[in-house]
């Protein structure tokens, strides 16, 4: 009792590093929101919350700008140090995309041919991934749509993923002038077998949520389409297991003929994230009924395996990615950003390889020969 005066609960210390200036509601921005924990009877729990960190740039498929990266870092530090937060939900605004990675418009207009600047940006990116991996609360990726490229990387840094069955997953680096060194080359072999990790990493194919669930990348996949009050599974994807050329496959796209009918059906449906949020709330409630320090020790024990290779490679990758802004990234990001003008989002790869084989110097003339010309 003699020391009781030292323990005044009303004098709790504030451990947050950032003020509210990194959040906003006007796109592009990051929204930070607190929601009450919902119990198993659907009622809010007094004094306990989940932190929702929203990517808010739906017009550009929730690609993150430099300022948004700062907002994500701030959001995870805020949630991590907040006593009343049980779990963090990392999600995005809109119905189309969780995240398609870095903002290619910003990359092409500002960072291309500025390797030092891009290196500074990558320091922020690395801090964003570190913020997810070091958060002292469980982190759930609530995937409302496309999760590709850097979006896939920051998504895999989270602990669990609950996905819309309309979502697709994959990498884009080798196709658009980069390498998926923001986490995918470190994380994919933990989620997939080595062969699948290699193919997914370099092929730049997108895989359905059902295929990724079958390959153990996701925790839950739920339908989000509704027609006449009934749930409709993604009609663009086969959800039966079948044999194709001797290989057992699942979650592949339907045929072209079936796709026509599927698109017509989708046009008659509305999008509803009720089941997605129900699964998220169930996980939060599950976490709420566990010892918090035992929970985090368990999570950090699993995270350590992902962090091991991430920590080994994040700085060498940072330097290579910066240097590459003077070369293939310059071409790839500018080609992608100019697709509305040229009709193509990639360079002429064959011409590029032919010029390299002939020993040409990489200069403006080289770039002009491989970048698409504006449409007439």
Protein backbone atom coordinates (compact mmCIF):
# COMPACT_ATOMS: atom_id res chain seq x y z
CA UNK A 1 0.00 0.00 0.00
CA UNK A 2 2.91 2.35 0.65
CA UNK A 3 3.75 2.39 -3.07
CA UNK A 4 0.16 2.63 -4.27
CA UNK A 5 0.54 6.33 -4.99
CA UNK A 6 3.12 5.46 -7.66
CA UNK A 7 0.58 3.42 -9.61
CA UNK A 8 -2.02 5.95 -10.61
CA UNK A 9 -4.05 4.43 -13.43
CA UNK A 10 -5.06 7.87 -14.62
CA UNK A 11 -1.44 8.72 -15.36
CA UNK A 12 -0.85 6.04 -18.00
CA UNK A 13 1.94 6.87 -20.40
CA UNK A 14 1.41 7.44 -24.11
CA UNK A 15 3.73 5.24 -26.21
CA UNK A 16 2.57 6.39 -29.64
CA UNK A 17 5.17 7.94 -31.93
CA UNK A 18 2.91 9.70 -34.44
CA UNK A 19 0.11 12.22 -34.34
CA UNK A 20 -3.09 12.08 -36.41
CA UNK A 21 -1.60 13.94 -39.38
CA UNK A 22 -0.79 10.72 -41.26
CA UNK A 23 -4.45 9.70 -41.56
CA UNK A 24 -7.23 11.17 -43.64
CA UNK A 25 -10.49 10.41 -45.41
CA UNK A 26 -9.85 12.04 -48.79
CA UNK A 27 -8.13 9.70 -51.26
CA UNK A 28 -5.32 8.92 -51.59
CA UNK A 29 -4.93 8.40 -47.86
CA UNK A 30 -4.90 5.91 -45.02
CA UNK A 31 -7.92 5.73 -42.72
CA UNK A 32 -7.46 4.63 -39.10
CA UNK A 33 -10.63 3.42 -37.41
CA UNK A 34 -11.47 1.76 -34.09
CA UNK A 35 -14.39 -0.67 -33.92
CA UNK A 36 -15.77 -2.36 -30.80
CA UNK A 37 -15.00 -6.05 -30.40
CA UNK A 38 -18.16 -8.05 -31.22
CA UNK A 39 -18.94 -11.06 -29.00
CA UNK A 40 -20.37 -14.40 -30.14
CA UNK A 41 -23.92 -13.06 -29.67
CA UNK A 42 -23.28 -10.10 -31.97
CA UNK A 43 -23.02 -7.54 -29.17
CA UNK A 44 -20.25 -4.94 -28.73
CA UNK A 45 -17.86 -5.51 -25.82
CA UNK A 46 -17.26 -2.57 -23.54
CA UNK A 47 -13.75 -1.11 -23.61
CA UNK A 48 -12.20 -3.47 -26.21
CA UNK A 49 -11.62 -2.58 -29.85
CA UNK A 50 -10.09 -3.69 -33.12
CA UNK A 51 -8.03 -1.24 -35.17
CA UNK A 52 -8.95 -1.04 -38.87
CA UNK A 53 -6.25 0.35 -41.16
CA UNK A 54 -7.81 1.18 -44.53
CA UNK A 55 -5.94 1.79 -47.79
CA UNK A 56 -7.98 4.56 -49.36
CA UNK A 57 -7.11 4.98 -53.03
CA UNK A 58 -9.80 2.96 -54.85
CA UNK A 59 -9.52 4.92 -58.10
CA UNK A 60 -5.98 3.52 -58.45
CA UNK A 61 -6.78 0.05 -57.10
CA UNK A 62 -5.59 1.10 -53.64
CA UNK A 63 -1.97 1.41 -54.74
CA UNK A 64 -0.01 3.13 -52.00
CA UNK A 65 1.65 6.51 -52.45
CA UNK A 66 4.63 7.64 -50.39
CA UNK A 67 2.34 9.48 -47.97
CA UNK A 68 0.11 6.43 -47.64
CA UNK A 69 3.14 4.31 -46.70
CA UNK A 70 3.78 6.76 -43.87
CA UNK A 71 0.15 6.39 -42.81
CA UNK A 72 0.43 2.60 -42.69
CA UNK A 73 3.59 2.81 -40.57
CA UNK A 74 1.85 5.23 -38.21
CA UNK A 75 -1.29 3.11 -38.06
CA UNK A 76 0.49 -0.08 -37.08
CA UNK A 77 2.58 1.68 -34.45
CA UNK A 78 -0.55 3.31 -33.03
CA UNK A 79 -2.46 0.03 -32.86
CA UNK A 80 0.53 -1.86 -31.49
CA UNK A 81 0.92 0.51 -28.56
CA UNK A 82 -2.78 0.88 -27.72
CA UNK A 83 -3.85 -1.15 -24.67
CA UNK A 84 -7.49 -1.44 -25.69
CA UNK A 85 -6.78 -2.87 -29.18
CA UNK A 86 -7.22 -6.64 -29.47
CA UNK A 87 -6.33 -7.09 -33.16
CA UNK A 88 -5.51 -5.09 -36.29
CA UNK A 89 -7.49 -5.44 -39.53
CA UNK A 90 -5.56 -4.40 -42.62
CA UNK A 91 -8.01 -3.76 -45.47
CA UNK A 92 -9.01 -1.33 -48.21
CA UNK A 93 -11.81 0.86 -49.46
CA UNK A 94 -14.04 -0.30 -52.32
CA UNK A 95 -15.11 -3.55 -53.95
CA UNK A 96 -12.36 -4.08 -56.55
CA UNK A 97 -8.95 -4.18 -54.88
CA UNK A 98 -7.14 -4.66 -51.61
CA UNK A 99 -3.91 -3.34 -53.10
CA UNK A 100 -1.95 -3.53 -56.35
CA UNK A 101 1.32 -2.35 -54.82
CA UNK A 102 3.18 0.92 -55.18
CA UNK A 103 1.64 3.78 -57.12
CA UNK A 104 3.10 3.37 -60.59
CA UNK A 105 2.13 6.91 -61.57
CA UNK A 106 4.30 8.21 -58.74
CA UNK A 107 7.03 5.73 -59.61
CA UNK A 108 7.21 6.78 -63.26
CA UNK A 109 6.77 10.54 -62.76
CA UNK A 110 9.05 10.97 -59.75
CA UNK A 111 11.17 7.97 -58.77
CA UNK A 112 12.30 6.66 -62.17
CA UNK A 113 15.92 7.70 -62.86
CA UNK A 114 16.18 8.98 -59.26
CA UNK A 115 17.76 5.98 -57.51
CA UNK A 116 18.63 7.86 -54.34
CA UNK A 117 15.05 9.03 -53.96
CA UNK A 118 13.72 5.54 -54.55
CA UNK A 119 16.17 4.20 -51.98
CA UNK A 120 14.70 6.65 -49.46
CA UNK A 121 11.24 5.44 -50.44
CA UNK A 122 12.30 1.82 -49.96
CA UNK A 123 13.45 2.69 -46.45
CA UNK A 124 9.86 3.71 -45.77
CA UNK A 125 8.55 0.57 -47.48
CA UNK A 126 10.80 -1.64 -45.35
CA UNK A 127 9.61 0.19 -42.24
CA UNK A 128 6.02 -0.53 -43.33
CA UNK A 129 6.66 -4.28 -43.59
CA UNK A 130 8.60 -4.17 -40.31
CA UNK A 131 5.64 -2.38 -38.73
CA UNK A 132 3.33 -5.24 -39.70
CA UNK A 133 5.75 -7.98 -38.63
CA UNK A 134 6.56 -6.24 -35.33
CA UNK A 135 3.01 -5.23 -34.37
CA UNK A 136 2.19 -6.49 -30.88
CA UNK A 137 -1.35 -7.34 -31.89
CA UNK A 138 -2.54 -10.09 -34.26
CA UNK A 139 -2.87 -8.73 -37.81
CA UNK A 140 -5.62 -9.92 -40.17
CA UNK A 141 -5.56 -9.13 -43.88
CA UNK A 142 -9.20 -8.54 -44.90
CA UNK A 143 -8.97 -8.93 -48.67
CA UNK A 144 -11.83 -7.22 -50.48
CA UNK A 145 -10.40 -7.64 -53.99
CA UNK A 146 -7.20 -7.83 -56.03
CA UNK A 147 -4.05 -8.46 -53.93
CA UNK A 148 -1.08 -8.43 -56.29
CA UNK A 149 2.50 -7.12 -56.51
CA UNK A 150 3.41 -5.02 -53.46
CA UNK A 151 -0.15 -5.53 -52.22
CA UNK A 152 0.50 -9.26 -52.08
CA UNK A 153 3.75 -8.60 -50.23
CA UNK A 154 2.30 -6.46 -47.46
CA UNK A 155 -0.63 -8.89 -47.29
CA UNK A 156 1.66 -11.85 -46.71
CA UNK A 157 3.40 -9.94 -43.92
CA UNK A 158 0.16 -10.18 -41.91
CA UNK A 159 -0.69 -13.16 -39.71
CA UNK A 160 -3.97 -14.42 -41.19
CA UNK A 161 -5.93 -13.69 -44.36
CA UNK A 162 -9.71 -13.69 -44.82
CA UNK A 163 -10.58 -13.23 -48.46
CA UNK A 164 -13.40 -12.39 -50.81
CA UNK A 165 -13.71 -15.20 -53.35
CA UNK A 166 -13.51 -12.58 -56.13
CA UNK A 167 -9.95 -11.68 -55.09
CA UNK A 168 -6.94 -12.69 -57.16
CA UNK A 169 -3.35 -13.01 -55.99
CA UNK A 170 0.04 -12.82 -57.65
CA UNK A 171 3.24 -10.97 -58.49
CA UNK A 172 4.04 -8.50 -61.25
CA UNK A 173 7.69 -7.52 -60.82
CA UNK A 174 9.51 -9.26 -63.73
CA UNK A 175 6.76 -8.14 -66.11
CA UNK A 176 6.90 -4.47 -65.13
CA UNK A 177 10.56 -3.81 -64.46
CA UNK A 178 11.17 -4.95 -60.91
CA UNK A 179 11.51 -8.00 -58.69
CA UNK A 180 9.09 -8.90 -55.86
CA UNK A 181 11.75 -8.13 -53.25
CA UNK A 182 9.38 -6.33 -50.90
CA UNK A 183 8.64 -9.62 -49.19
CA UNK A 184 7.43 -12.14 -51.76
CA UNK A 185 10.83 -13.69 -52.43
CA UNK A 186 11.13 -14.11 -48.63
CA UNK A 187 7.57 -15.14 -47.74
CA UNK A 188 6.30 -17.25 -50.67
CA UNK A 189 8.45 -20.32 -49.86
CA UNK A 190 6.91 -20.38 -46.37
CA UNK A 191 3.36 -20.42 -47.76
CA UNK A 192 3.76 -22.53 -50.89
CA UNK A 193 6.01 -25.41 -51.84
CA UNK A 194 9.24 -24.31 -53.50
CA UNK A 195 8.06 -25.17 -57.02
CA UNK A 196 4.80 -23.22 -56.64
CA UNK A 197 6.63 -20.34 -54.96
CA UNK A 198 9.09 -20.13 -57.84
CA UNK A 199 6.42 -20.29 -60.54
CA UNK A 200 4.08 -17.84 -58.80
CA UNK A 201 6.96 -15.44 -58.25
CA UNK A 202 8.30 -15.31 -61.81
CA UNK A 203 5.31 -16.16 -64.04
CA UNK A 204 3.33 -13.03 -63.10
CA UNK A 205 0.15 -15.11 -63.34
CA UNK A 206 -2.71 -14.28 -61.01
CA UNK A 207 -4.31 -17.12 -59.06
CA UNK A 208 -7.83 -17.22 -57.68
CA UNK A 209 -8.63 -17.06 -53.98
CA UNK A 210 -9.85 -20.66 -54.15
CA UNK A 211 -6.60 -21.83 -55.71
CA UNK A 212 -4.59 -19.94 -53.09
CA UNK A 213 -6.72 -21.45 -50.31
CA UNK A 214 -6.08 -24.93 -51.71
CA UNK A 215 -2.36 -24.12 -51.69
CA UNK A 216 -2.53 -22.90 -48.05
CA UNK A 217 -1.88 -19.19 -48.60
CA UNK A 218 -5.22 -18.11 -47.09
CA UNK A 219 -7.16 -18.82 -43.88
CA UNK A 220 -10.74 -18.30 -45.10
CA UNK A 221 -12.43 -17.64 -48.45
CA UNK A 222 -16.07 -16.49 -48.55
CA UNK A 223 -18.51 -15.44 -51.29
CA UNK A 224 -19.41 -11.76 -51.57
CA UNK A 225 -21.88 -11.81 -54.46
CA UNK A 226 -25.60 -11.88 -53.68
CA UNK A 227 -28.62 -12.42 -55.91
CA UNK A 228 -32.19 -12.42 -54.64
CA UNK A 229 -30.92 -12.70 -51.08
CA UNK A 230 -28.77 -15.76 -51.78
CA UNK A 231 -25.00 -16.03 -51.84
CA UNK A 232 -23.35 -16.75 -55.20
CA UNK A 233 -19.84 -18.19 -55.37
CA UNK A 234 -17.46 -16.57 -57.84
CA UNK A 235 -18.81 -17.86 -61.19
CA UNK A 236 -15.58 -16.97 -63.01
CA UNK A 237 -13.66 -19.70 -61.17
CA UNK A 238 -14.13 -23.47 -61.13
CA UNK A 239 -14.64 -24.65 -57.57
CA UNK A 240 -14.61 -28.36 -58.30
CA UNK A 241 -11.53 -30.57 -58.25
CA UNK A 242 -10.82 -32.03 -61.68
CA UNK A 243 -8.05 -33.58 -63.75
CA UNK A 244 -6.44 -31.62 -66.58
CA UNK A 245 -3.63 -33.26 -68.59
CA UNK A 246 -3.08 -35.67 -65.74
CA UNK A 247 -2.82 -32.90 -63.12
CA UNK A 248 -5.38 -32.50 -60.34
CA UNK A 249 -6.40 -28.83 -60.32
CA UNK A 250 -8.76 -26.58 -58.39
CA UNK A 251 -9.73 -22.93 -58.56
CA UNK A 252 -8.82 -22.36 -62.21
CA UNK A 253 -10.71 -19.93 -64.48
CA UNK A 254 -13.80 -21.22 -66.29
CA UNK A 255 -13.78 -21.68 -70.06
CA UNK A 256 -14.36 -18.72 -72.40
CA UNK A 257 -17.88 -19.93 -73.12
CA UNK A 258 -18.68 -20.26 -69.40
CA UNK A 259 -17.12 -16.85 -68.72
CA UNK A 260 -19.76 -15.12 -70.88
CA UNK A 261 -22.56 -16.59 -68.75
CA UNK A 262 -20.59 -15.92 -65.56
CA UNK A 263 -20.22 -12.22 -66.37
CA UNK A 264 -23.92 -11.96 -67.11
CA UNK A 265 -24.70 -13.55 -63.75
CA UNK A 266 -22.31 -11.21 -61.94
CA UNK A 267 -24.05 -8.21 -63.53
CA UNK A 268 -27.27 -9.34 -61.81
CA UNK A 269 -25.58 -9.58 -58.39
CA UNK A 270 -24.76 -7.06 -55.70
CA UNK A 271 -21.57 -7.10 -53.63
CA UNK A 272 -21.95 -7.68 -49.90
CA UNK A 273 -19.07 -8.13 -47.44
CA UNK A 274 -21.29 -9.46 -44.65
CA UNK A 275 -19.71 -12.94 -44.58
CA UNK A 276 -16.22 -11.46 -44.87
CA UNK A 277 -16.77 -9.23 -41.84
CA UNK A 278 -18.44 -12.08 -39.95
CA UNK A 279 -15.30 -14.19 -40.33
CA UNK A 280 -13.08 -11.26 -39.33
CA UNK A 281 -15.19 -10.58 -36.22
CA UNK A 282 -15.07 -14.28 -35.30
CA UNK A 283 -11.27 -14.22 -35.39
CA UNK A 284 -11.17 -11.05 -33.28
CA UNK A 285 -13.49 -12.68 -30.73
CA UNK A 286 -11.29 -15.79 -30.71
CA UNK A 287 -8.24 -13.61 -29.99
CA UNK A 288 -10.15 -11.77 -27.26
CA UNK A 289 -10.58 -15.01 -25.34
CA UNK A 290 -6.88 -15.85 -25.18
CA UNK A 291 -4.15 -14.60 -22.84
CA UNK A 292 -2.77 -11.60 -24.77
CA UNK A 293 0.92 -12.11 -23.96
CA UNK A 294 0.75 -15.86 -24.59
CA UNK A 295 -1.03 -15.12 -27.87
CA UNK A 296 1.62 -12.67 -29.03
CA UNK A 297 4.50 -14.92 -27.98
CA UNK A 298 2.94 -17.67 -30.10
CA UNK A 299 2.44 -15.34 -33.06
CA UNK A 300 5.94 -13.89 -32.84
CA UNK A 301 7.33 -17.41 -32.76
CA UNK A 302 5.74 -18.09 -36.15
CA UNK A 303 6.54 -14.63 -37.50
CA UNK A 304 10.22 -15.17 -36.70
CA UNK A 305 10.50 -17.63 -39.57
CA UNK A 306 9.20 -15.06 -42.06
CA UNK A 307 11.29 -12.31 -40.48
CA UNK A 308 14.51 -14.32 -40.68
CA UNK A 309 14.78 -14.15 -44.47
CA UNK A 310 13.11 -10.74 -44.66
CA UNK A 311 15.73 -9.28 -42.29
CA UNK A 312 18.54 -11.01 -44.20
CA UNK A 313 17.54 -9.51 -47.55
CA UNK A 314 15.67 -6.23 -46.99
CA UNK A 315 18.75 -3.98 -47.14
CA UNK A 316 20.47 -5.63 -50.14
CA UNK A 317 17.11 -5.59 -51.90
CA UNK A 318 16.68 -1.92 -51.05
CA UNK A 319 19.98 -1.05 -52.74
CA UNK A 320 19.27 -3.14 -55.84
CA UNK A 321 15.75 -1.77 -56.23
CA UNK A 322 17.13 1.77 -56.00
CA UNK A 323 19.81 1.13 -58.63
CA UNK A 324 17.29 -0.58 -60.90
CA UNK A 325 15.33 2.67 -61.15
CA UNK A 326 17.95 3.74 -63.68
CA UNK A 327 17.35 0.70 -65.86
CA UNK A 328 14.56 -1.87 -66.21
CA UNK A 329 12.28 -0.22 -63.63
CA UNK A 330 12.48 3.04 -65.57
CA UNK A 331 11.17 1.25 -68.65
CA UNK A 332 8.66 -0.98 -66.87
CA UNK A 333 6.95 1.66 -64.76
CA UNK A 334 6.79 4.18 -67.60
CA UNK A 335 5.30 1.57 -69.91
CA UNK A 336 2.68 0.65 -67.34
CA UNK A 337 1.80 4.27 -66.58
CA UNK A 338 1.41 5.09 -70.29
CA UNK A 339 -0.98 2.23 -71.11
CA UNK A 340 -3.97 4.56 -71.63
CA UNK A 341 -1.98 6.41 -74.29
CA UNK A 342 -0.23 3.47 -75.93
CA UNK A 343 -2.69 0.64 -75.34
CA UNK A 344 0.11 -1.53 -73.90
CA UNK A 345 1.34 -1.81 -70.33
CA UNK A 346 4.62 -3.58 -71.08
CA UNK A 347 7.69 -2.95 -73.23
CA UNK A 348 8.70 -4.91 -76.34
CA UNK A 349 10.64 -7.62 -74.50
CA UNK A 350 11.94 -9.28 -77.66
CA UNK A 351 13.36 -6.01 -78.99
CA UNK A 352 14.86 -5.34 -75.57
CA UNK A 353 16.65 -8.70 -75.56
CA UNK A 354 17.82 -8.21 -79.16
CA UNK A 355 19.37 -4.85 -78.30
CA UNK A 356 21.06 -6.36 -75.25
CA UNK A 357 22.36 -9.25 -77.36
CA UNK A 358 23.84 -6.72 -79.80
CA UNK A 359 25.59 -4.89 -76.96
CA UNK A 360 23.75 -1.57 -77.28
CA UNK A 361 24.23 1.11 -74.65
CA UNK A 362 21.18 1.77 -72.51
CA UNK A 363 20.21 5.34 -73.34
CA UNK A 364 17.20 7.33 -74.54
CA UNK A 365 17.48 5.84 -78.04
CA UNK A 366 17.43 2.35 -76.53
CA UNK A 367 14.33 3.23 -74.50
CA UNK A 368 12.52 4.67 -77.51
CA UNK A 369 12.95 1.39 -79.38
CA UNK A 370 11.32 -0.77 -76.72
CA UNK A 371 8.59 1.50 -75.32
CA UNK A 372 5.21 1.43 -77.09
CA UNK A 373 4.25 4.38 -79.27
CA UNK A 374 1.09 6.43 -78.63
CA UNK A 375 -2.02 5.15 -80.38
CA UNK A 376 -3.08 7.03 -83.52
